[in-house]
Amino acid sequence: MSLDDYQKRLQNQLSGIQLEKPEIRSLYFKFNPQKRSLIDFSDIVGIHPLELWLAAYLYHHPNAGYEELYQKSHSARQDAYGWLFRTSRKSKQDQRIRIILEQDAFDTIHKAWQRLGYPFKKLVPSFATAIGSSADRPDALAKLMGIIINEGILKPDYLIQEITFASDTPYETQFVRKPAAAKRVLNAEIALIIKKALFNVVEKGTAKRVYQAFLNEEGTRLPVGGKTGTGDNQHKRLDSDGMVISSEVINRTATFSFIIGDRFFGNITAYVPGPQAGEYSFTSSLPVALLQNLAVHLKGILNTS
């Protein structure tokens, strides 16, 4: 790429910002692609070097077959893993290997979580995630409760099942959703253990107030289980001694994901965004109390067969 082409592309990306020619020239020579290795480009874009090489080669040779790719990628494969043979920096090698192993492990965890309804495309590799603490969405938590109550089987859910246009006219059109098959995503034994733990949270734990909130038509208590959670989310800055320098309130959440009997499940979340969340001190007892107050309104639904 010539200096003029670089200048045009740079200005297109920086609309509204005018750079002087000496600045552009300095950037051009400082970040000249010809001075960057495959590993450098890989680090910049966050893609494995061999994936990056393969994409570039197929772009210029779209009809290339496996044998050609294997032969032409020899130097790229050597560059991608050459750092393993530079023994003068063993500690750095070990660190990179640990990072790769950790990323692979969290990729595997992410795939397993997605099968259970985890809604995000990525999973942050962190200690919090490793012990099961991660961001989630209310509908995803409700879906997880559905998997547990159905003993590990994910059943399809529908918002709209049928749409009809222009009824009783020659142009009447009906769209009917094709039914999806249920699939097992969790071992039944594990689901039963989790269900027992959820019932224990209501019977002896943080959600006792809904223990006798729901009754069937005969007046018998419907078993209720659930998991409570409170999030006081803050962004804290620490000094070198680990002391808090400043704290910024991000939001506050309180959640109760629940199952009722052997058919019903859901999630209630209280949420306050922004700095004003610091003015609130509610806990997960709030959504639990809300479910308790809803019991009388849900009675008719719960007793339908």
C-alpha atoms as a PDB file:
ATOM      1  CA  MET A   1       0.000   0.000   0.000  1.00  0.00           C
ATOM      2  CA  SER A   2       1.415   3.371  -1.030  1.00  0.00           C
ATOM      3  CA  LEU A   3       1.582   6.384   1.276  1.00  0.00           C
ATOM      4  CA  ASP A   4      -1.226   8.075  -0.668  1.00  0.00           C
ATOM      5  CA  ASP A   5      -3.490   5.015  -0.395  1.00  0.00           C
ATOM      6  CA  TYR A   6      -2.704   4.804   3.317  1.00  0.00           C
ATOM      7  CA  GLN A   7      -3.629   8.468   3.772  1.00  0.00           C
ATOM      8  CA  LYS A   8      -6.970   8.016   1.973  1.00  0.00           C
ATOM      9  CA  ARG A   9      -7.926   4.954   3.999  1.00  0.00           C
ATOM     10  CA  LEU A  10      -6.890   6.575   7.248  1.00  0.00           C
ATOM     11  CA  GLN A  11      -8.955   9.697   6.563  1.00  0.00           C
ATOM     12  CA  ASN A  12     -11.975   7.554   5.676  1.00  0.00           C
ATOM     13  CA  GLN A  13     -11.719   5.868   9.054  1.00  0.00           C
ATOM     14  CA  LEU A  14     -11.193   9.150  10.893  1.00  0.00           C
ATOM     15  CA  SER A  15     -14.056  11.169   9.461  1.00  0.00           C
ATOM     16  CA  GLY A  16     -14.105  14.663  10.912  1.00  0.00           C
ATOM     17  CA  ILE A  17     -10.493  14.446  12.158  1.00  0.00           C
ATOM     18  CA  GLN A  18      -7.821  16.055  10.010  1.00  0.00           C
ATOM     19  CA  LEU A  19      -4.258  14.792  10.343  1.00  0.00           C
ATOM     20  CA  GLU A  20      -1.231  16.687   9.102  1.00  0.00           C
ATOM     21  CA  LYS A  21       0.932  15.012   6.468  1.00  0.00           C
ATOM     22  CA  PRO A  22       3.953  14.636   8.796  1.00  0.00           C
ATOM     23  CA  GLU A  23       1.715  12.747  11.283  1.00  0.00           C
ATOM     24  CA  ILE A  24       0.375  10.467   8.565  1.00  0.00           C
ATOM     25  CA  ARG A  25       3.874   9.829   7.226  1.00  0.00           C
ATOM     26  CA  SER A  26       5.115   8.984  10.714  1.00  0.00           C
ATOM     27  CA  LEU A  27       2.267   6.529  11.268  1.00  0.00           C
ATOM     28  CA  TYR A  28       2.803   4.976   7.852  1.00  0.00           C
ATOM     29  CA  PHE A  29       6.443   4.133   8.474  1.00  0.00           C
ATOM     30  CA  LYS A  30       5.962   3.252  12.146  1.00  0.00           C
ATOM     31  CA  PHE A  31       3.209   0.740  11.424  1.00  0.00           C
ATOM     32  CA  ASN A  32       4.350  -0.404   8.000  1.00  0.00           C
ATOM     33  CA  PRO A  33       2.774  -3.858   7.453  1.00  0.00           C
ATOM     34  CA  GLN A  34       5.950  -5.090   5.783  1.00  0.00           C
ATOM     35  CA  LYS A  35       7.731  -4.689   9.110  1.00  0.00           C
ATOM     36  CA  ARG A  36       5.144  -6.790  10.947  1.00  0.00           C
ATOM     37  CA  SER A  37       5.259 -10.558  11.285  1.00  0.00           C
ATOM     38  CA  LEU A  38       2.351 -12.969  11.086  1.00  0.00           C
ATOM     39  CA  ILE A  39       2.401 -13.184  14.879  1.00  0.00           C
ATOM     40  CA  ASP A  40       2.206  -9.384  15.144  1.00  0.00           C
ATOM     41  CA  PHE A  41      -0.890  -9.284  12.952  1.00  0.00           C
ATOM     42  CA  SER A  42      -2.385 -12.139  14.953  1.00  0.00           C
ATOM     43  CA  ASP A  43      -1.943 -10.237  18.211  1.00  0.00           C
ATOM     44  CA  ILE A  44      -3.392  -7.045  16.699  1.00  0.00           C
ATOM     45  CA  VAL A  45      -6.616  -8.605  15.374  1.00  0.00           C
ATOM     46  CA  GLY A  46      -6.980 -11.307  18.046  1.00  0.00           C
ATOM     47  CA  ILE A  47      -7.116 -14.215  15.575  1.00  0.00           C
ATOM     48  CA  HIS A  48      -4.956 -17.339  15.553  1.00  0.00           C
ATOM     49  CA  PRO A  49      -2.036 -16.771  13.141  1.00  0.00           C
ATOM     50  CA  LEU A  50      -2.840 -19.855  11.060  1.00  0.00           C
ATOM     51  CA  GLU A  51      -6.476 -18.770  10.690  1.00  0.00           C
ATOM     52  CA  LEU A  52      -5.247 -15.359   9.580  1.00  0.00           C
ATOM     53  CA  TRP A  53      -2.815 -16.872   7.072  1.00  0.00           C
ATOM     54  CA  LEU A  54      -5.474 -19.245   5.727  1.00  0.00           C
ATOM     55  CA  ALA A  55      -7.988 -16.440   5.212  1.00  0.00           C
ATOM     56  CA  ALA A  56      -5.407 -14.346   3.337  1.00  0.00           C
ATOM     57  CA  TYR A  57      -4.263 -17.237   1.159  1.00  0.00           C
ATOM     58  CA  LEU A  58      -7.793 -18.326   0.233  1.00  0.00           C
ATOM     59  CA  TYR A  59      -8.642 -14.714  -0.596  1.00  0.00           C
ATOM     60  CA  HIS A  60      -5.925 -14.712  -3.268  1.00  0.00           C
ATOM     61  CA  HIS A  61      -6.287 -18.429  -4.183  1.00  0.00           C
ATOM     62  CA  PRO A  62      -9.975 -19.301  -3.704  1.00  0.00           C
ATOM     63  CA  ASN A  63      -9.658 -22.679  -5.464  1.00  0.00           C
ATOM     64  CA  ALA A  64      -6.747 -23.949  -3.398  1.00  0.00           C
ATOM     65  CA  GLY A  65      -7.085 -27.525  -2.124  1.00  0.00           C
ATOM     66  CA  TYR A  66      -5.869 -29.175   1.071  1.00  0.00           C
ATOM     67  CA  GLU A  67      -2.528 -30.361  -0.353  1.00  0.00           C
ATOM     68  CA  GLU A  68      -1.689 -26.925  -1.705  1.00  0.00           C
ATOM     69  CA  LEU A  69      -2.626 -25.269   1.580  1.00  0.00           C
ATOM     70  CA  TYR A  70      -0.557 -27.774   3.533  1.00  0.00           C
ATOM     71  CA  GLN A  71       2.531 -27.204   1.382  1.00  0.00           C
ATOM     72  CA  LYS A  72       2.236 -23.406   1.233  1.00  0.00           C
ATOM     73  CA  SER A  73       1.575 -23.050   4.975  1.00  0.00           C
ATOM     74  CA  HIS A  74       4.904 -24.579   6.018  1.00  0.00           C
ATOM     75  CA  SER A  75       6.589 -21.283   6.910  1.00  0.00           C
ATOM     76  CA  ALA A  76       3.383 -19.948   8.527  1.00  0.00           C
ATOM     77  CA  ARG A  77       3.178 -23.049  10.732  1.00  0.00           C
ATOM     78  CA  GLN A  78       6.800 -22.620  11.726  1.00  0.00           C
ATOM     79  CA  ASP A  79       6.213 -18.957  12.582  1.00  0.00           C
ATOM     80  CA  ALA A  80       3.013 -19.672  14.523  1.00  0.00           C
ATOM     81  CA  TYR A  81       4.690 -22.094  16.905  1.00  0.00           C
ATOM     82  CA  GLY A  82       8.308 -20.968  16.677  1.00  0.00           C
ATOM     83  CA  TRP A  83       8.097 -19.358  20.110  1.00  0.00           C
ATOM     84  CA  LEU A  84       7.900 -22.834  21.643  1.00  0.00           C
ATOM     85  CA  PHE A  85      11.500 -23.474  20.661  1.00  0.00           C
ATOM     86  CA  ARG A  86      12.945 -20.224  22.019  1.00  0.00           C
ATOM     87  CA  THR A  87      14.070 -21.675  25.322  1.00  0.00           C
ATOM     88  CA  SER A  88      15.795 -18.496  26.501  1.00  0.00           C
ATOM     89  CA  ARG A  89      12.376 -17.285  27.672  1.00  0.00           C
ATOM     90  CA  LYS A  90      10.915 -20.361  29.296  1.00  0.00           C
ATOM     91  CA  SER A  91       8.820 -18.400  31.796  1.00  0.00           C
ATOM     92  CA  LYS A  92       7.191 -16.439  28.974  1.00  0.00           C
ATOM     93  CA  GLN A  93       6.545 -19.671  27.085  1.00  0.00           C
ATOM     94  CA  ASP A  94       4.925 -21.251  30.132  1.00  0.00           C
ATOM     95  CA  GLN A  95       2.767 -18.185  30.618  1.00  0.00           C
ATOM     96  CA  ARG A  96       1.540 -18.255  27.010  1.00  0.00           C
ATOM     97  CA  ILE A  97       0.856 -21.995  27.217  1.00  0.00           C
ATOM     98  CA  ARG A  98      -1.182 -21.459  30.392  1.00  0.00           C
ATOM     99  CA  ILE A  99      -3.150 -18.690  28.656  1.00  0.00           C
ATOM    100  CA  ILE A 100      -3.894 -20.964  25.682  1.00  0.00           C
ATOM    101  CA  LEU A 101      -4.982 -23.804  27.976  1.00  0.00           C
ATOM    102  CA  GLU A 102      -7.163 -21.414  29.966  1.00  0.00           C
ATOM    103  CA  GLN A 103      -8.798 -20.032  26.818  1.00  0.00           C
ATOM    104  CA  ASP A 104      -9.490 -23.557  25.546  1.00  0.00           C
ATOM    105  CA  ALA A 105     -10.976 -24.513  28.905  1.00  0.00           C
ATOM    106  CA  PHE A 106     -13.304 -21.507  28.967  1.00  0.00           C
ATOM    107  CA  ASP A 107     -14.324 -22.169  25.352  1.00  0.00           C
ATOM    108  CA  THR A 108     -15.404 -25.650  26.434  1.00  0.00           C
ATOM    109  CA  ILE A 109     -17.249 -24.225  29.453  1.00  0.00           C
ATOM    110  CA  HIS A 110     -18.952 -21.657  27.233  1.00  0.00           C
ATOM    111  CA  LYS A 111     -20.284 -24.346  24.878  1.00  0.00           C
ATOM    112  CA  ALA A 112     -21.644 -26.325  27.826  1.00  0.00           C
ATOM    113  CA  TRP A 113     -23.295 -23.210  29.295  1.00  0.00           C
ATOM    114  CA  GLN A 114     -24.840 -22.276  25.944  1.00  0.00           C
ATOM    115  CA  ARG A 115     -26.600 -25.634  25.817  1.00  0.00           C
ATOM    116  CA  LEU A 116     -28.263 -24.648  29.092  1.00  0.00           C
ATOM    117  CA  GLY A 117     -29.412 -21.249  27.819  1.00  0.00           C
ATOM    118  CA  TYR A 118     -26.404 -18.961  28.459  1.00  0.00           C
ATOM    119  CA  PRO A 119     -27.238 -15.982  26.186  1.00  0.00           C
ATOM    120  CA  PHE A 120     -23.890 -14.346  25.456  1.00  0.00           C
ATOM    121  CA  LYS A 121     -21.475 -15.062  22.591  1.00  0.00           C
ATOM    122  CA  LYS A 122     -18.414 -14.968  24.830  1.00  0.00           C
ATOM    123  CA  LEU A 123     -17.485 -16.042  28.326  1.00  0.00           C
ATOM    124  CA  VAL A 124     -14.994 -13.897  30.250  1.00  0.00           C
ATOM    125  CA  PRO A 125     -12.067 -16.037  31.484  1.00  0.00           C
ATOM    126  CA  SER A 126     -11.991 -15.090  35.158  1.00  0.00           C
ATOM    127  CA  PHE A 127     -11.984 -16.585  38.628  1.00  0.00           C
ATOM    128  CA  ALA A 128     -15.576 -15.441  39.097  1.00  0.00           C
ATOM    129  CA  THR A 129     -16.677 -17.369  36.024  1.00  0.00           C
ATOM    130  CA  ALA A 130     -14.709 -20.426  37.139  1.00  0.00           C
ATOM    131  CA  ILE A 131     -16.812 -20.664  40.310  1.00  0.00           C
ATOM    132  CA  GLY A 132     -20.050 -20.129  38.406  1.00  0.00           C
ATOM    133  CA  SER A 133     -20.560 -16.388  38.896  1.00  0.00           C
ATOM    134  CA  SER A 134     -21.251 -14.653  35.600  1.00  0.00           C
ATOM    135  CA  ALA A 135     -23.582 -12.193  33.913  1.00  0.00           C
ATOM    136  CA  ASP A 136     -26.897 -13.536  32.684  1.00  0.00           C
ATOM    137  CA  ARG A 137     -30.333 -12.469  31.478  1.00  0.00           C
ATOM    138  CA  PRO A 138     -33.682 -13.060  33.209  1.00  0.00           C
ATOM    139  CA  ASP A 139     -35.107 -15.101  30.326  1.00  0.00           C
ATOM    140  CA  ALA A 140     -31.980 -17.281  30.216  1.00  0.00           C
ATOM    141  CA  LEU A 141     -32.316 -17.987  33.955  1.00  0.00           C
ATOM    142  CA  ALA A 142     -35.973 -18.893  33.432  1.00  0.00           C
ATOM    143  CA  LYS A 143     -34.979 -21.244  30.612  1.00  0.00           C
ATOM    144  CA  LEU A 144     -32.477 -22.937  32.921  1.00  0.00           C
ATOM    145  CA  MET A 145     -35.236 -23.471  35.493  1.00  0.00           C
ATOM    146  CA  GLY A 146     -37.298 -25.091  32.720  1.00  0.00           C
ATOM    147  CA  ILE A 147     -34.470 -27.492  31.909  1.00  0.00           C
ATOM    148  CA  ILE A 148     -34.156 -28.464  35.563  1.00  0.00           C
ATOM    149  CA  ILE A 149     -37.887 -28.949  36.156  1.00  0.00           C
ATOM    150  CA  ASN A 150     -38.030 -31.145  33.032  1.00  0.00           C
ATOM    151  CA  GLU A 151     -35.193 -33.311  34.368  1.00  0.00           C
ATOM    152  CA  GLY A 152     -32.536 -32.099  31.952  1.00  0.00           C
ATOM    153  CA  ILE A 153     -34.653 -31.768  28.802  1.00  0.00           C
ATOM    154  CA  LEU A 154     -34.846 -28.458  26.922  1.00  0.00           C
ATOM    155  CA  LYS A 155     -38.340 -28.061  25.531  1.00  0.00           C
ATOM    156  CA  PRO A 156     -38.990 -25.489  22.798  1.00  0.00           C
ATOM    157  CA  ASP A 157     -40.730 -22.281  23.780  1.00  0.00           C
ATOM    158  CA  TYR A 158     -42.892 -20.205  21.453  1.00  0.00           C
ATOM    159  CA  LEU A 159     -43.891 -16.563  21.533  1.00  0.00           C
ATOM    160  CA  ILE A 160     -46.005 -16.739  18.358  1.00  0.00           C
ATOM    161  CA  GLN A 161     -47.300 -20.054  17.029  1.00  0.00           C
ATOM    162  CA  GLU A 162     -49.588 -18.932  14.208  1.00  0.00           C
ATOM    163  CA  ILE A 163     -50.240 -15.780  12.155  1.00  0.00           C
ATOM    164  CA  THR A 164     -53.165 -15.296   9.756  1.00  0.00           C
ATOM    165  CA  PHE A 165     -53.457 -12.498   7.194  1.00  0.00           C
ATOM    166  CA  ALA A 166     -56.512 -11.384   5.207  1.00  0.00           C
ATOM    167  CA  SER A 167     -58.970 -13.805   6.777  1.00  0.00           C
ATOM    168  CA  ASP A 168     -62.046 -14.739   4.728  1.00  0.00           C
ATOM    169  CA  THR A 169     -60.628 -13.241   1.541  1.00  0.00           C
ATOM    170  CA  PRO A 170     -59.043 -14.829  -1.547  1.00  0.00           C
ATOM    171  CA  TYR A 171     -55.676 -13.680  -0.188  1.00  0.00           C
ATOM    172  CA  GLU A 172     -55.937 -15.379   3.188  1.00  0.00           C
ATOM    173  CA  THR A 173     -52.503 -16.590   4.272  1.00  0.00           C
ATOM    174  CA  GLN A 174     -51.565 -18.640   7.297  1.00  0.00           C
ATOM    175  CA  PHE A 175     -48.115 -19.002   8.798  1.00  0.00           C
ATOM    176  CA  VAL A 176     -47.775 -21.873  11.267  1.00  0.00           C
ATOM    177  CA  ARG A 177     -44.601 -22.417  13.241  1.00  0.00           C
ATOM    178  CA  LYS A 178     -43.031 -25.791  12.655  1.00  0.00           C
ATOM    179  CA  PRO A 179     -42.825 -27.632  15.986  1.00  0.00           C
ATOM    180  CA  ALA A 180     -39.312 -28.162  17.304  1.00  0.00           C
ATOM    181  CA  ALA A 181     -38.198 -31.305  19.057  1.00  0.00           C
ATOM    182  CA  ALA A 182     -37.202 -31.359  22.703  1.00  0.00           C
ATOM    183  CA  LYS A 183     -33.610 -32.371  23.407  1.00  0.00           C
ATOM    184  CA  ARG A 184     -31.673 -33.517  26.418  1.00  0.00           C
ATOM    185  CA  VAL A 185     -28.999 -31.027  27.481  1.00  0.00           C
ATOM    186  CA  LEU A 186     -28.369 -32.208  31.059  1.00  0.00           C
ATOM    187  CA  ASN A 187     -28.197 -35.628  32.659  1.00  0.00           C
ATOM    188  CA  ALA A 188     -31.418 -36.463  34.490  1.00  0.00           C
ATOM    189  CA  GLU A 189     -29.496 -37.400  37.643  1.00  0.00           C
ATOM    190  CA  ILE A 190     -27.789 -33.989  37.748  1.00  0.00           C
ATOM    191  CA  ALA A 191     -31.087 -32.187  37.127  1.00  0.00           C
ATOM    192  CA  LEU A 192     -32.723 -34.065  40.017  1.00  0.00           C
ATOM    193  CA  ILE A 193     -29.856 -33.161  42.373  1.00  0.00           C
ATOM    194  CA  ILE A 194     -30.172 -29.486  41.385  1.00  0.00           C
ATOM    195  CA  LYS A 195     -33.948 -29.603  41.800  1.00  0.00           C
ATOM    196  CA  LYS A 196     -33.530 -30.996  45.310  1.00  0.00           C
ATOM    197  CA  ALA A 197     -31.101 -28.168  46.124  1.00  0.00           C
ATOM    198  CA  LEU A 198     -33.601 -25.601  44.785  1.00  0.00           C
ATOM    199  CA  PHE A 199     -36.363 -26.990  46.996  1.00  0.00           C
ATOM    200  CA  ASN A 200     -33.970 -26.802  49.942  1.00  0.00           C
ATOM    201  CA  VAL A 201     -33.386 -23.060  49.304  1.00  0.00           C
ATOM    202  CA  VAL A 202     -37.117 -22.465  49.826  1.00  0.00           C
ATOM    203  CA  GLU A 203     -37.583 -24.893  52.691  1.00  0.00           C
ATOM    204  CA  LYS A 204     -34.534 -23.924  54.741  1.00  0.00           C
ATOM    205  CA  GLY A 205     -32.715 -21.103  52.993  1.00  0.00           C
ATOM    206  CA  THR A 206     -33.112 -17.573  51.674  1.00  0.00           C
ATOM    207  CA  ALA A 207     -36.580 -17.999  50.104  1.00  0.00           C
ATOM    208  CA  LYS A 208     -38.564 -19.419  53.055  1.00  0.00           C
ATOM    209  CA  ARG A 209     -41.433 -16.966  52.655  1.00  0.00           C
ATOM    210  CA  VAL A 210     -42.768 -18.792  49.562  1.00  0.00           C
ATOM    211  CA  TYR A 211     -42.579 -22.252  51.190  1.00  0.00           C
ATOM    212  CA  GLN A 212     -46.367 -22.371  51.704  1.00  0.00           C
ATOM    213  CA  ALA A 213     -47.385 -19.681  49.224  1.00  0.00           C
ATOM    214  CA  PHE A 214     -48.876 -21.993  46.590  1.00  0.00           C
ATOM    215  CA  LEU A 215     -51.640 -24.560  47.140  1.00  0.00           C
ATOM    216  CA  ASN A 216     -53.407 -26.862  44.708  1.00  0.00           C
ATOM    217  CA  GLU A 217     -57.198 -27.288  44.453  1.00  0.00           C
ATOM    218  CA  GLU A 218     -57.199 -29.760  47.361  1.00  0.00           C
ATOM    219  CA  GLY A 219     -55.377 -27.296  49.573  1.00  0.00           C
ATOM    220  CA  THR A 220     -52.128 -29.278  49.465  1.00  0.00           C
ATOM    221  CA  ARG A 221     -48.887 -27.298  49.307  1.00  0.00           C
ATOM    222  CA  LEU A 222     -47.249 -27.142  45.895  1.00  0.00           C
ATOM    223  CA  PRO A 223     -43.493 -27.638  46.221  1.00  0.00           C
ATOM    224  CA  VAL A 224     -41.538 -24.495  45.381  1.00  0.00           C
ATOM    225  CA  GLY A 225     -37.817 -24.292  44.693  1.00  0.00           C
ATOM    226  CA  GLY A 226     -35.507 -21.553  43.551  1.00  0.00           C
ATOM    227  CA  LYS A 227     -32.201 -19.740  43.634  1.00  0.00           C
ATOM    228  CA  THR A 228     -31.757 -16.215  44.952  1.00  0.00           C
ATOM    229  CA  GLY A 229     -29.020 -13.786  44.017  1.00  0.00           C
ATOM    230  CA  THR A 230     -28.081 -10.174  44.808  1.00  0.00           C
ATOM    231  CA  GLY A 231     -25.643  -8.047  42.838  1.00  0.00           C
ATOM    232  CA  ASP A 232     -24.188  -4.819  44.207  1.00  0.00           C
ATOM    233  CA  ASN A 233     -22.075  -4.036  41.163  1.00  0.00           C
ATOM    234  CA  GLN A 234     -19.359  -1.434  41.570  1.00  0.00           C
ATOM    235  CA  HIS A 235     -16.206  -0.424  39.717  1.00  0.00           C
ATOM    236  CA  LYS A 236     -13.440  -0.063  42.298  1.00  0.00           C
ATOM    237  CA  ARG A 237      -9.919   1.298  41.893  1.00  0.00           C
ATOM    238  CA  LEU A 238      -7.216  -0.041  44.197  1.00  0.00           C
ATOM    239  CA  ASP A 239      -3.749   1.208  45.074  1.00  0.00           C
ATOM    240  CA  SER A 240      -0.612  -0.954  45.162  1.00  0.00           C
ATOM    241  CA  ASP A 241      -1.471  -2.057  48.713  1.00  0.00           C
ATOM    242  CA  GLY A 242      -4.941  -3.233  47.720  1.00  0.00           C
ATOM    243  CA  MET A 243      -6.725  -0.323  49.394  1.00  0.00           C
ATOM    244  CA  VAL A 244      -9.806   1.143  47.666  1.00  0.00           C
ATOM    245  CA  ILE A 245      -9.042   4.538  46.090  1.00  0.00           C
ATOM    246  CA  SER A 246     -12.451   5.152  44.553  1.00  0.00           C
ATOM    247  CA  SER A 247     -15.694   3.314  43.945  1.00  0.00           C
ATOM    248  CA  GLU A 248     -18.255   3.900  41.189  1.00  0.00           C
ATOM    249  CA  VAL A 249     -21.711   2.331  41.453  1.00  0.00           C
ATOM    250  CA  ILE A 250     -22.701   0.542  38.225  1.00  0.00           C
ATOM    251  CA  ASN A 251     -26.051  -1.045  39.098  1.00  0.00           C
ATOM    252  CA  ARG A 252     -27.888  -3.162  41.642  1.00  0.00           C
ATOM    253  CA  THR A 253     -29.774  -6.365  40.911  1.00  0.00           C
ATOM    254  CA  ALA A 254     -31.732  -8.925  42.877  1.00  0.00           C
ATOM    255  CA  THR A 255     -33.059 -12.124  41.325  1.00  0.00           C
ATOM    256  CA  PHE A 256     -35.174 -15.116  42.220  1.00  0.00           C
ATOM    257  CA  SER A 257     -35.320 -17.938  39.675  1.00  0.00           C
ATOM    258  CA  PHE A 258     -37.969 -20.456  40.690  1.00  0.00           C
ATOM    259  CA  ILE A 259     -39.866 -23.661  39.954  1.00  0.00           C
ATOM    260  CA  ILE A 260     -43.399 -24.398  41.172  1.00  0.00           C
ATOM    261  CA  GLY A 261     -44.688 -27.955  41.270  1.00  0.00           C
ATOM    262  CA  ASP A 262     -43.681 -30.051  38.272  1.00  0.00           C
ATOM    263  CA  ARG A 263     -44.773 -27.739  35.468  1.00  0.00           C
ATOM    264  CA  PHE A 264     -44.224 -24.044  36.190  1.00  0.00           C
ATOM    265  CA  PHE A 265     -41.036 -22.017  36.330  1.00  0.00           C
ATOM    266  CA  GLY A 266     -39.837 -18.449  35.885  1.00  0.00           C
ATOM    267  CA  ASN A 267     -37.621 -15.620  37.022  1.00  0.00           C
ATOM    268  CA  ILE A 268     -38.178 -12.285  38.777  1.00  0.00           C
ATOM    269  CA  THR A 269     -35.448  -9.640  38.685  1.00  0.00           C
ATOM    270  CA  ALA A 270     -35.300  -6.231  40.363  1.00  0.00           C
ATOM    271  CA  TYR A 271     -32.851  -3.927  38.625  1.00  0.00           C
ATOM    272  CA  VAL A 272     -31.677  -0.345  39.133  1.00  0.00           C
ATOM    273  CA  PRO A 273     -29.091   0.957  36.620  1.00  0.00           C
ATOM    274  CA  GLY A 274     -26.559   3.733  36.993  1.00  0.00           C
ATOM    275  CA  PRO A 275     -25.198   5.743  39.945  1.00  0.00           C
ATOM    276  CA  GLN A 276     -28.681   6.044  41.524  1.00  0.00           C
ATOM    277  CA  ALA A 277     -28.393   2.338  42.373  1.00  0.00           C
ATOM    278  CA  GLY A 278     -26.240   3.409  45.318  1.00  0.00           C
ATOM    279  CA  GLU A 279     -29.370   4.794  46.965  1.00  0.00           C
ATOM    280  CA  TYR A 280     -30.933   1.320  47.153  1.00  0.00           C
ATOM    281  CA  SER A 281     -30.153  -1.553  49.498  1.00  0.00           C
ATOM    282  CA  PHE A 282     -32.705  -4.204  48.506  1.00  0.00           C
ATOM    283  CA  THR A 283     -31.667  -7.862  48.355  1.00  0.00           C
ATOM    284  CA  SER A 284     -33.085 -10.982  46.745  1.00  0.00           C
ATOM    285  CA  SER A 285     -35.813 -11.024  49.392  1.00  0.00           C
ATOM    286  CA  LEU A 286     -37.566  -8.396  47.217  1.00  0.00           C
ATOM    287  CA  PRO A 287     -38.313 -10.671  44.211  1.00  0.00           C
ATOM    288  CA  VAL A 288     -39.147 -13.508  46.627  1.00  0.00           C
ATOM    289  CA  ALA A 289     -41.716 -11.271  48.338  1.00  0.00           C
ATOM    290  CA  LEU A 290     -43.081 -10.255  44.951  1.00  0.00           C
ATOM    291  CA  LEU A 291     -43.624 -13.903  43.976  1.00  0.00           C
ATOM    292  CA  GLN A 292     -45.373 -14.460  47.299  1.00  0.00           C
ATOM    293  CA  ASN A 293     -47.722 -11.548  46.580  1.00  0.00           C
ATOM    294  CA  LEU A 294     -48.422 -12.917  43.105  1.00  0.00           C
ATOM    295  CA  ALA A 295     -49.500 -16.302  44.475  1.00  0.00           C
ATOM    296  CA  VAL A 296     -53.175 -15.354  44.689  1.00  0.00           C
ATOM    297  CA  HIS A 297     -53.156 -14.145  41.071  1.00  0.00           C
ATOM    298  CA  LEU A 298     -51.390 -17.268  39.813  1.00  0.00           C
ATOM    299  CA  LYS A 299     -53.697 -19.685  41.595  1.00  0.00           C
ATOM    300  CA  GLY A 300     -55.989 -20.171  38.620  1.00  0.00           C
ATOM    301  CA  ILE A 301     -53.119 -20.836  36.223  1.00  0.00           C
ATOM    302  CA  LEU A 302     -51.327 -23.252  38.539  1.00  0.00           C
ATOM    303  CA  ASN A 303     -54.459 -25.372  39.025  1.00  0.00           C
ATOM    304  CA  THR A 304     -55.151 -25.840  35.321  1.00  0.00           C
ATOM    305  CA  SER A 305     -54.292 -29.236  33.887  1.00  0.00           C
END
